[in-house]
Amino acid sequence: MTNSNSSKKRIFCDQKLCLGCKTCELRCAVERSSVSKSLTDAVREGILPRPRVYVEWDGNRPFALQCRHCQEAPCLEICSTGALRKDEESGCTYIDGERCISCWMCVMVCPYGMIAPAVEKNAADKCDQCFQMAEPFCLASCPTGALQLLTPEEYEKTFAQKRINAFQSLNG
């Protein structure tokens, strides 16, 4: 059973729950790009593992960023070799490293800056939401539950209520 793109689940970050601990970054890097799959061994690898999720700060609060798997993805349109693909079942965009020619056009057109050149692999690198696994590593490792796998509709419903509650608490 395939759903419409709007009802496919994506990783969202509840900024109020994010501590900025970078546990999601570490787990992603170790599980997805280290040879050893062990944090203590990964830090000694010749090529350090790279995360596909990044914790940033908006000035006051931390939040985790990863590929948004755009419905109308500029990276898919610009890729001349077909290395960037969309999994039809999950709706996730992923990179076939064997087909990537390292032109970095996808890096340049990503509206969120979530595709990075992985020179050591001769290919671009990005979050694929671990679509081929039972659960994304970043989600499983988040100690506060700040990362959540939701449809855009679930996200809007959940966070619309939080906005209403925040507004009510400000206005007494």
Foldseek 3Di string as FASTA:
>chain_A
DADPQLFFWDKFFQQVQDPLPCQLFQQQQLCPPAPVSDSVVQVVDPDHGGHQKDWDDPPDTITIDFDPLDPPQPLCVPDPQNQWDADRRRSFIAGNLVRAQLPCPSCVPGPVNRWARPVVSNHIDHDRQVVVDPHRRSCVRRPRNRIDIGRVVVVCVVVVVVVVVVVVVVVD
